[in-house]
Protein backbone atom coordinates (compact mmCIF):
# COMPACT_ATOMS: atom_id res chain seq x y z
CA MET A 1 17.77 5.27 0.75
CA PRO A 2 17.79 7.58 3.81
CA MET A 3 14.94 9.61 2.32
CA LEU A 4 12.90 6.46 1.64
CA VAL A 5 13.54 5.22 5.18
CA ILE A 6 12.37 8.56 6.60
CA LEU A 7 9.16 8.43 4.56
CA TYR A 8 8.30 4.92 5.73
CA PHE A 9 9.38 5.78 9.28
CA VAL A 10 6.75 8.52 9.48
CA ALA A 11 4.16 6.44 7.59
CA PHE A 12 4.45 3.51 9.97
CA LEU A 13 4.38 5.89 12.93
CA ASP A 14 1.19 7.60 11.74
CA ARG A 15 -0.65 4.38 10.94
CA THR A 16 0.11 2.70 14.29
CA ASN A 17 0.22 5.55 16.82
CA ILE A 18 -3.48 5.06 17.56
CA GLY A 19 -2.39 2.21 19.83
CA PHE A 20 -1.08 4.85 22.25
CA ALA A 21 -4.25 6.92 22.08
CA GLU A 22 -6.88 4.18 22.47
CA GLU A 23 -7.55 4.70 26.19
CA ALA A 24 -7.38 8.51 25.97
CA LEU A 25 -9.74 8.63 22.98
CA SER A 26 -12.20 6.48 24.90
CA MET A 27 -12.09 8.73 27.97
CA ASP A 28 -11.98 12.15 26.25
CA ARG A 29 -14.09 11.56 23.13
CA GLY A 30 -16.07 8.44 23.97
CA ILE A 31 -14.55 6.39 21.12
CA SER A 32 -15.87 2.85 21.64
CA GLN A 33 -13.74 -0.28 21.50
CA GLY A 34 -15.65 -1.46 18.44
CA ALA A 35 -15.11 1.86 16.65
CA PHE A 36 -11.43 1.73 17.52
CA ALA A 37 -11.12 -1.78 16.08
CA LEU A 38 -13.05 -0.79 12.94
CA GLY A 39 -11.03 2.40 12.56
CA ALA A 40 -7.76 0.54 13.03
CA GLY A 41 -8.70 -1.84 10.26
CA ILE A 42 -10.62 0.40 7.83
CA PHE A 43 -7.36 2.19 7.07
CA PHE A 44 -6.51 -0.84 4.94
CA ILE A 45 -9.77 -0.69 2.98
CA GLY A 46 -8.95 2.77 1.67
CA TYR A 47 -5.38 1.65 1.23
CA ALA A 48 -6.42 -1.39 -0.82
CA ILE A 49 -8.87 0.45 -3.09
CA PHE A 50 -6.37 3.10 -4.20
CA GLU A 51 -3.16 1.06 -4.10
CA ILE A 52 -2.98 -0.08 -7.74
CA PRO A 53 -4.13 3.27 -9.23
CA SER A 54 -1.52 5.02 -7.09
CA ASN A 55 1.20 2.66 -8.28
CA LEU A 56 0.27 3.25 -11.93
CA LEU A 57 0.30 7.01 -11.36
CA LEU A 58 3.76 6.70 -9.83
CA LYS A 59 4.93 5.10 -13.08
CA LYS A 60 3.44 8.06 -14.97
CA PHE A 61 4.61 10.97 -12.80
CA GLY A 62 7.83 9.52 -11.37
CA ALA A 63 8.71 8.43 -7.85
CA ARG A 64 10.04 11.81 -6.69
CA PHE A 65 6.83 13.75 -7.23
CA TRP A 66 4.36 10.99 -6.40
CA LEU A 67 5.97 9.79 -3.17
CA ALA A 68 6.20 13.41 -2.01
CA ARG A 69 2.51 13.95 -2.82
CA ILE A 70 1.58 10.86 -0.83
CA ALA A 71 3.52 12.00 2.24
CA ILE A 72 2.13 15.53 2.26
CA THR A 73 -1.51 14.50 1.93
CA TRP A 74 -1.38 11.70 4.49
CA GLY A 75 0.43 14.04 6.89
CA ILE A 76 -2.43 16.52 6.71
CA VAL A 77 -4.98 13.77 7.41
CA ALA A 78 -2.85 12.33 10.24
CA ALA A 79 -2.66 15.74 11.91
CA ALA A 80 -6.46 16.09 11.64
CA PHE A 81 -6.85 13.24 14.16
CA ALA A 82 -6.07 15.85 16.82
CA PHE A 83 -9.57 17.23 16.23
CA THR A 84 -11.46 13.91 16.43
CA THR A 85 -14.78 14.32 18.25
CA ASN A 86 -16.69 11.02 17.86
CA ASP A 87 -16.74 7.48 16.47
CA THR A 88 -17.82 8.52 12.98
CA MET A 89 -15.12 11.14 12.54
CA PHE A 90 -12.47 8.74 13.83
CA ILE A 91 -13.48 6.02 11.36
CA ILE A 92 -13.67 8.45 8.41
CA LEU A 93 -10.21 9.86 9.15
CA ARG A 94 -8.74 6.36 9.37
CA PHE A 95 -10.25 5.55 5.97
CA LEU A 96 -8.87 8.78 4.47
CA LEU A 97 -5.46 8.04 5.97
CA GLY A 98 -5.43 4.77 4.03
CA VAL A 99 -6.55 6.52 0.84
CA THR A 100 -3.85 9.20 1.03
CA GLU A 101 -1.05 6.81 2.00
CA ALA A 102 -1.94 4.24 -0.68
CA GLY A 103 0.96 3.52 -2.99
CA LEU A 104 3.84 4.48 -0.70
CA PHE A 105 5.08 1.02 0.24
CA PRO A 106 4.53 -0.78 -3.11
CA GLY A 107 5.78 2.31 -4.93
CA VAL A 108 9.05 2.14 -3.04
CA ILE A 109 9.32 -1.63 -3.58
CA MET A 110 8.86 -1.10 -7.32
CA PHE A 111 11.25 1.87 -7.25
CA LEU A 112 14.00 -0.17 -5.55
CA ALA A 113 13.49 -3.05 -7.99
CA GLU A 114 14.37 -0.60 -10.78
CA TRP A 115 17.53 0.58 -8.99
CA PHE A 116 19.05 -2.56 -7.48
CA PRO A 117 19.87 -6.00 -8.98
CA ASN A 118 18.27 -9.10 -7.49
CA LYS A 119 21.51 -10.17 -5.80
CA VAL A 120 21.39 -7.23 -3.38
CA ARG A 121 17.69 -6.41 -3.52
CA VAL A 122 16.79 -8.12 -0.23
CA GLN A 123 19.53 -6.11 1.47
CA MET A 124 18.05 -2.86 0.15
CA PHE A 125 14.53 -3.98 1.08
CA ALA A 126 15.88 -4.70 4.57
CA ILE A 127 17.36 -1.20 4.84
CA PHE A 128 13.98 0.22 3.81
CA TYR A 129 12.28 -2.06 6.36
CA LEU A 130 14.48 -0.59 9.10
CA ALA A 131 11.99 2.27 9.13
CA GLN A 132 9.54 -0.04 10.95
CA PRO A 133 11.75 -0.77 13.98
CA PHE A 134 13.07 2.80 13.97
CA SER A 135 9.52 4.17 13.96
CA GLN A 136 8.52 1.99 16.89
CA MET A 137 11.84 2.13 18.75
CA LEU A 138 11.98 5.93 18.56
CA GLY A 139 8.31 6.51 17.89
CA ALA A 140 7.06 4.56 20.90
CA PRO A 141 8.87 6.79 23.43
CA LEU A 142 7.98 9.82 21.27
CA SER A 143 4.28 8.97 21.20
CA GLY A 144 4.24 8.03 24.87
CA GLY A 145 6.17 11.18 25.77
CA LEU A 146 3.90 13.48 23.78
CA ILE A 147 0.88 11.96 25.50
CA SER A 148 2.48 12.16 28.96
CA PHE A 149 3.75 15.72 28.69
CA GLY A 150 1.28 17.23 26.23
CA ASP A 151 -1.32 17.84 28.92
CA THR A 152 1.02 19.96 31.03
CA LEU A 153 2.97 21.81 28.33
CA THR A 154 0.12 22.72 25.96
CA PRO A 155 -3.58 23.64 26.23
CA TRP A 156 -4.39 20.45 24.27
CA HIS A 157 -4.76 16.89 25.47
CA GLY A 158 -1.61 14.81 25.15
CA TRP A 159 -3.10 12.58 22.46
CA GLN A 160 -3.98 15.65 20.37
CA VAL A 161 -0.39 16.85 20.54
CA MET A 162 0.83 13.42 19.47
CA PHE A 163 -1.40 13.24 16.39
CA PHE A 164 -0.68 16.80 15.27
CA VAL A 165 3.10 16.71 15.72
CA GLU A 166 3.52 13.31 14.07
CA GLY A 167 1.24 14.30 11.18
CA MET A 168 3.29 17.43 10.51
CA LEU A 169 6.45 15.30 10.40
CA ALA A 170 4.99 13.57 7.32
CA VAL A 171 4.32 16.92 5.61
CA ILE A 172 7.92 18.03 6.22
CA ALA A 173 9.25 14.67 4.96
CA GLY A 174 7.15 14.98 1.79
CA ILE A 175 8.53 18.43 1.03
CA ALA A 176 12.07 17.13 1.56
CA ALA A 177 11.42 14.21 -0.82
CA LEU A 178 10.75 16.65 -3.66
CA PHE A 179 14.35 17.80 -3.41
CA LEU A 180 16.19 14.62 -2.41
CA LEU A 181 14.71 11.71 -4.40
CA VAL A 182 16.04 10.78 -7.86
CA ASN A 183 13.68 9.12 -10.35
CA SER A 184 16.20 6.84 -12.10
CA PRO A 185 19.90 5.89 -12.12
CA GLN A 186 20.39 7.81 -15.38
CA LYS A 187 19.47 11.05 -13.56
CA ALA A 188 21.66 10.39 -10.51
CA LYS A 189 24.42 12.99 -10.10
CA PHE A 190 26.27 10.74 -7.64
CA LEU A 191 26.94 8.14 -10.39
CA ASN A 192 29.43 8.65 -13.21
CA GLN A 193 28.56 7.57 -16.75
CA GLU A 194 30.49 4.29 -16.48
CA GLU A 195 28.56 3.37 -13.33
CA LYS A 196 25.26 4.31 -14.95
CA ASP A 197 26.01 2.15 -18.00
CA ALA A 198 27.09 -0.83 -15.88
CA LEU A 199 23.96 -0.67 -13.75
CA THR A 200 21.73 -0.24 -16.80
CA GLU A 201 23.28 -3.35 -18.38
CA VAL A 202 22.70 -5.51 -15.30
CA MET A 203 19.13 -4.32 -14.88
CA ALA A 204 18.36 -4.81 -18.59
CA ARG A 205 19.51 -8.44 -18.33
CA GLU A 206 17.26 -9.05 -15.32
CA ASP A 207 14.32 -7.27 -16.98
CA ALA A 208 14.65 -9.62 -19.96
CA VAL A 209 14.39 -12.63 -17.63
CA ARG A 210 11.46 -11.13 -15.73
CA THR A 211 9.64 -10.39 -18.97
CA GLU A 212 10.13 -14.00 -20.10
CA ASP A 213 9.27 -15.59 -16.73
CA GLY A 214 6.47 -13.34 -15.56
CA PRO A 215 3.24 -11.81 -16.86
CA THR A 216 3.24 -8.73 -19.09
CA GLY A 217 0.73 -5.93 -18.78
CA ILE A 218 -1.69 -4.93 -16.05
CA TRP A 219 -4.44 -7.52 -16.46
CA ARG A 220 -2.14 -10.50 -16.92
CA ALA A 221 -0.29 -9.52 -13.77
CA MET A 222 -3.51 -9.25 -11.79
CA SER A 223 -4.67 -12.68 -12.98
CA SER A 224 -1.31 -14.42 -12.49
CA TRP A 225 -1.50 -17.34 -10.06
CA LYS A 226 1.96 -16.47 -8.71
CA VAL A 227 0.83 -12.96 -7.85
CA TRP A 228 -2.16 -14.35 -5.96
CA TYR A 229 0.03 -16.95 -4.26
CA PHE A 230 2.29 -14.28 -2.77
CA THR A 231 -0.75 -12.14 -1.97
CA ILE A 232 -1.95 -14.89 0.40
CA ILE A 233 1.50 -15.17 1.99
CA TYR A 234 1.66 -11.42 2.52
CA PHE A 235 -1.89 -11.38 3.91
CA CYS A 236 -0.86 -13.93 6.55
CA LEU A 237 2.23 -11.88 7.41
CA GLN A 238 0.24 -8.67 7.84
CA ILE A 239 -2.21 -10.32 10.22
CA ALA A 240 0.72 -11.15 12.49
CA VAL A 241 2.38 -7.74 12.02
CA TYR A 242 -0.59 -5.48 12.65
CA GLY A 243 -2.32 -7.75 15.11
CA THR A 244 0.82 -7.39 17.22
CA THR A 245 1.65 -3.75 16.44
CA PHE A 246 -1.75 -2.18 17.06
CA TYR A 247 -2.04 -3.73 20.51
CA LEU A 248 1.62 -3.80 21.54
CA PRO A 249 1.35 -0.82 23.95
CA GLN A 250 -1.70 -2.33 25.67
CA GLN A 251 -0.10 -5.79 25.83
CA VAL A 252 3.12 -4.38 27.31
CA ALA A 253 1.12 -2.23 29.76
CA GLY A 254 -0.74 -5.35 30.91
CA LEU A 255 2.48 -7.32 31.29
CA ILE A 256 4.33 -4.69 33.37
CA GLY A 257 1.28 -3.34 35.22
CA GLN A 258 1.60 0.28 34.05
CA ASP A 259 -0.66 2.72 32.23
CA VAL A 260 0.26 3.60 28.63
CA GLY A 261 2.80 6.41 28.75
CA TRP A 262 6.53 7.06 28.92
CA GLN A 263 7.50 3.80 30.68
CA VAL A 264 5.37 1.62 28.42
CA GLY A 265 6.82 3.45 25.41
CA LEU A 266 10.38 2.62 26.50
CA VAL A 267 9.61 -1.06 27.10
CA SER A 268 7.69 -1.24 23.81
CA ALA A 269 10.85 -0.07 22.03
CA ILE A 270 12.86 -3.14 23.10
CA PRO A 271 11.40 -5.62 20.55
CA TRP A 272 11.94 -3.10 17.74
CA LEU A 273 15.56 -2.50 18.74
CA VAL A 274 16.31 -6.22 18.50
CA GLY A 275 14.27 -6.45 15.29
CA LEU A 276 16.32 -3.65 13.71
CA PHE A 277 19.55 -5.63 13.95
CA ALA A 278 17.91 -8.93 12.94
CA CYS A 279 16.26 -7.39 9.87
CA TYR A 280 19.48 -5.83 8.59
CA PHE A 281 21.71 -8.84 9.33
CA PHE A 282 19.54 -11.45 7.65
CA GLY A 283 18.61 -9.12 4.80
CA LYS A 284 22.28 -8.49 4.06
CA HIS A 285 23.10 -12.20 3.91
CA ALA A 286 19.96 -13.50 2.14
CA SER A 287 21.74 -13.44 -1.22
CA THR A 288 20.84 -16.95 -2.47
CA ILE A 289 17.46 -18.52 -3.21
CA ILE A 290 18.12 -21.37 -0.73
CA ARG A 291 18.82 -18.96 2.11
CA ARG A 292 15.78 -16.88 1.27
CA ARG A 293 13.47 -19.89 1.23
CA ASN A 294 14.85 -21.64 4.34
CA TRP A 295 15.31 -18.52 6.43
CA GLY A 296 11.94 -17.16 5.38
CA THR A 297 10.19 -20.40 6.35
CA LEU A 298 11.98 -20.44 9.71
CA PHE A 299 11.08 -16.82 10.48
CA TYR A 300 7.39 -17.41 9.74
CA ILE A 301 7.40 -20.39 12.11
CA LEU A 302 9.17 -18.37 14.80
CA THR A 303 6.65 -15.55 14.37
CA GLY A 304 3.75 -17.92 14.98
CA LEU A 305 5.39 -19.67 17.94
CA ALA A 306 6.39 -16.38 19.57
CA ILE A 307 2.89 -14.90 19.28
CA LEU A 308 1.48 -18.05 20.91
CA GLY A 309 4.16 -17.79 23.58
CA SER A 310 3.30 -14.16 24.36
CA ALA A 311 -0.33 -15.16 24.89
CA TRP A 312 0.73 -17.96 27.26
CA ALA A 313 3.01 -15.60 29.21
CA GLY A 314 0.25 -13.03 29.58
CA ALA A 315 -2.21 -15.65 30.84
CA ASN A 316 0.31 -16.86 33.43
CA ASN A 317 1.47 -13.40 34.59
CA LEU A 318 5.06 -13.76 33.35
CA PRO A 319 6.00 -10.24 32.18
CA PHE A 320 9.67 -10.88 31.39
CA VAL A 321 8.88 -14.03 29.41
CA GLY A 322 6.11 -12.18 27.59
CA ILE A 323 8.46 -9.38 26.51
CA VAL A 324 10.97 -11.99 25.28
CA PHE A 325 8.32 -13.71 23.16
CA ILE A 326 7.08 -10.39 21.75
CA THR A 327 10.68 -9.50 20.88
CA ILE A 328 11.15 -12.79 19.00
CA ALA A 329 7.89 -12.24 17.11
CA VAL A 330 8.84 -8.70 16.06
CA ALA A 331 12.39 -9.67 15.05
CA SER A 332 11.05 -12.60 13.00
CA PHE A 333 8.34 -10.79 11.06
CA LEU A 334 10.68 -7.87 10.35
CA SER A 335 13.33 -10.25 8.99
CA VAL A 336 10.92 -12.19 6.77
CA GLY A 337 9.33 -9.14 5.13
CA PRO A 338 12.24 -8.22 2.80
CA ILE A 339 12.75 -11.89 1.94
CA THR A 340 9.08 -12.26 0.99
CA TRP A 341 9.23 -9.25 -1.35
CA SER A 342 12.26 -10.65 -3.19
CA TYR A 343 10.01 -13.26 -4.82
CA PRO A 344 7.47 -11.13 -6.74
CA THR A 345 10.11 -8.55 -7.74
CA ALA A 346 12.07 -11.39 -9.37
CA PHE A 347 9.35 -12.05 -11.99
CA LEU A 348 7.47 -8.73 -12.32
CA THR A 349 8.61 -5.72 -14.33
CA GLY A 350 7.15 -2.62 -16.02
CA THR A 351 3.41 -2.04 -15.73
CA ALA A 352 3.04 -5.67 -14.61
CA ALA A 353 5.18 -4.79 -11.59
CA ALA A 354 3.06 -1.71 -10.86
CA ALA A 355 -0.14 -3.77 -10.96
CA GLY A 356 1.19 -7.00 -9.42
CA ILE A 357 3.11 -5.42 -6.55
CA GLY A 358 0.18 -3.09 -5.93
CA LEU A 359 -2.23 -6.05 -5.81
CA ILE A 360 -0.04 -8.07 -3.45
CA ASN A 361 0.42 -5.15 -1.08
CA SER A 362 -3.17 -3.87 -1.21
CA LEU A 363 -4.94 -7.20 -0.66
CA GLY A 364 -2.17 -8.50 1.57
CA ASN A 365 -2.52 -5.45 3.79
CA LEU A 366 -6.17 -6.33 4.33
CA GLY A 367 -4.65 -8.57 6.97
CA GLY A 368 -4.30 -5.33 8.90
CA PHE A 369 -8.07 -4.87 8.57
CA VAL A 370 -8.88 -8.44 9.57
CA ALA A 371 -6.45 -8.71 12.51
CA PRO A 372 -7.89 -6.15 14.99
CA ILE A 373 -11.50 -7.06 14.19
CA MET A 374 -10.80 -10.80 14.49
CA ARG A 375 -8.90 -10.32 17.73
CA THR A 376 -11.58 -8.10 19.25
CA SER A 377 -14.41 -10.44 18.18
CA ILE A 378 -12.69 -13.49 19.65
CA ASN A 379 -11.94 -11.63 22.89
CA GLU A 380 -15.58 -10.50 23.21
CA THR A 381 -16.74 -14.08 22.60
CA ASN A 382 -14.39 -15.34 25.33
CA PRO A 383 -14.41 -12.54 27.94
CA THR A 384 -12.93 -14.74 30.69
CA ASP A 385 -9.66 -15.74 28.95
CA SER A 386 -7.90 -12.32 29.34
CA GLY A 387 -7.59 -11.95 25.58
CA VAL A 388 -5.46 -15.08 25.15
CA TRP A 389 -7.39 -16.61 22.24
CA GLY A 390 -7.49 -13.29 20.44
CA ILE A 391 -3.68 -13.27 20.43
CA VAL A 392 -3.47 -16.96 19.53
CA SER A 393 -5.63 -16.41 16.45
CA LEU A 394 -2.98 -14.05 15.03
CA GLY A 395 -0.18 -16.59 15.24
CA VAL A 396 -1.96 -19.34 13.33
CA PHE A 397 -1.70 -17.51 10.00
CA ALA A 398 2.09 -17.32 10.27
CA PHE A 399 2.27 -21.13 10.06
CA LEU A 400 0.26 -21.11 6.83
CA ALA A 401 2.69 -18.55 5.37
CA ALA A 402 5.62 -20.76 6.41
CA ALA A 403 4.21 -23.76 4.54
CA MET A 404 3.47 -21.71 1.42
CA LEU A 405 6.90 -20.08 1.31
CA TYR A 406 8.62 -23.44 1.71
CA CYS A 407 6.59 -24.82 -1.20
CA THR A 408 8.23 -22.26 -3.52
CA ARG A 409 11.03 -24.83 -3.78
CA PHE A 410 8.84 -26.53 -6.39
CA PHE A 411 8.63 -23.36 -8.52
CA LYS A 412 10.75 -23.21 -11.64
CA ALA A 413 12.05 -19.77 -12.57
CA ARG A 414 15.02 -18.53 -14.57
CA ALA A 415 15.36 -15.67 -12.09
CA ASP A 416 16.45 -18.16 -9.42
CA ALA A 417 19.20 -19.54 -11.65
CA LEU A 418 20.27 -16.02 -12.57
CA LEU A 419 20.52 -15.16 -8.89
CA GLU A 420 22.86 -18.10 -8.23
CA GLU A 421 25.03 -17.24 -11.25
CA ALA A 422 25.28 -13.51 -10.56
CA PRO A 423 28.64 -12.12 -9.41
CA PRO A 424 28.85 -10.04 -6.24
CA VAL A 425 27.53 -6.49 -6.68
CA HIS A 426 29.26 -3.61 -4.87
């Protein structure tokens, strides 16, 4: 788990650190606002195209090798951003970053579903999700610090130092993964044979239920209405997540009246610190289907309300209130992510899991493509509202996700009954 958290920590850092470099890229390289928005989003096009093939290759080569390959190649591309010279190069590198990182997140979700029973799966997803707040809580001051001090300590611009250093972190993490990850419980040296047999028995029972409840094979998984249902939910979530994350440094800078740098990085870390504890606490205790459904619905609603509240606070020059609302939004969407993923992993297994989870994550992540473009377009259409309606547009989708998740109460699945009957797992 620590190795997986480190991989996602660096991945999330490398895909979102452009928020700290937006102003500097504009001044030093002439990157336009439109190119920045397109580049921020086009990452998810490359990500979506190669997501399912990457997941299937992970099944073939094993998680240890394939996750390491992903980290090393995306790290090289991430470091290459230090040499960006114009709009075209910036957009191409963002696309390649999506291509090389494709398969990391769904691969880990599938990997964890093969290691941990449903009863504790949300807790393990939540631990994995801690990489997001860690990457922003520690990464925000790191990115801001590298930009602030890079100019004086190196011959490069600060933003170049940030991209290169954080890209190399991914390469180092990928090399470490080759030595530290274990492909399956049967190959784990830290489990004795009795523990391996007990875990295999529990997982075999759940696999039998998933095979009976869910689709089998690649094409049936990709045409399953349940898979598409959760794809829409995840799409709505990602609009809120990336619409907030990409522009968080600029929004905080506007609220506190400071340029993006060390101080903005520290303030930007506050929502992620709160979100870290919320994600772990609710993930640990979301062990029943009723809790998962009710808490998930509530967190989606809170995400939407908090995003709307942050827009209102910004329009009325209330920095403290704005930071509070942003903190609630971040804590809510971090808490609901692991809960959302517990649903598809309860009815998908084998190659169906590789295809279905890959489809949900790839198309769902297109929300990260839509969010910055939608926000920028709305802001350009309404130049006198200080960006309020651009922020508001992000929150609306969270309410749709809330309604859809609540409607899962009408689904009938043996996996839900199995979850309620399962004894505690230690």
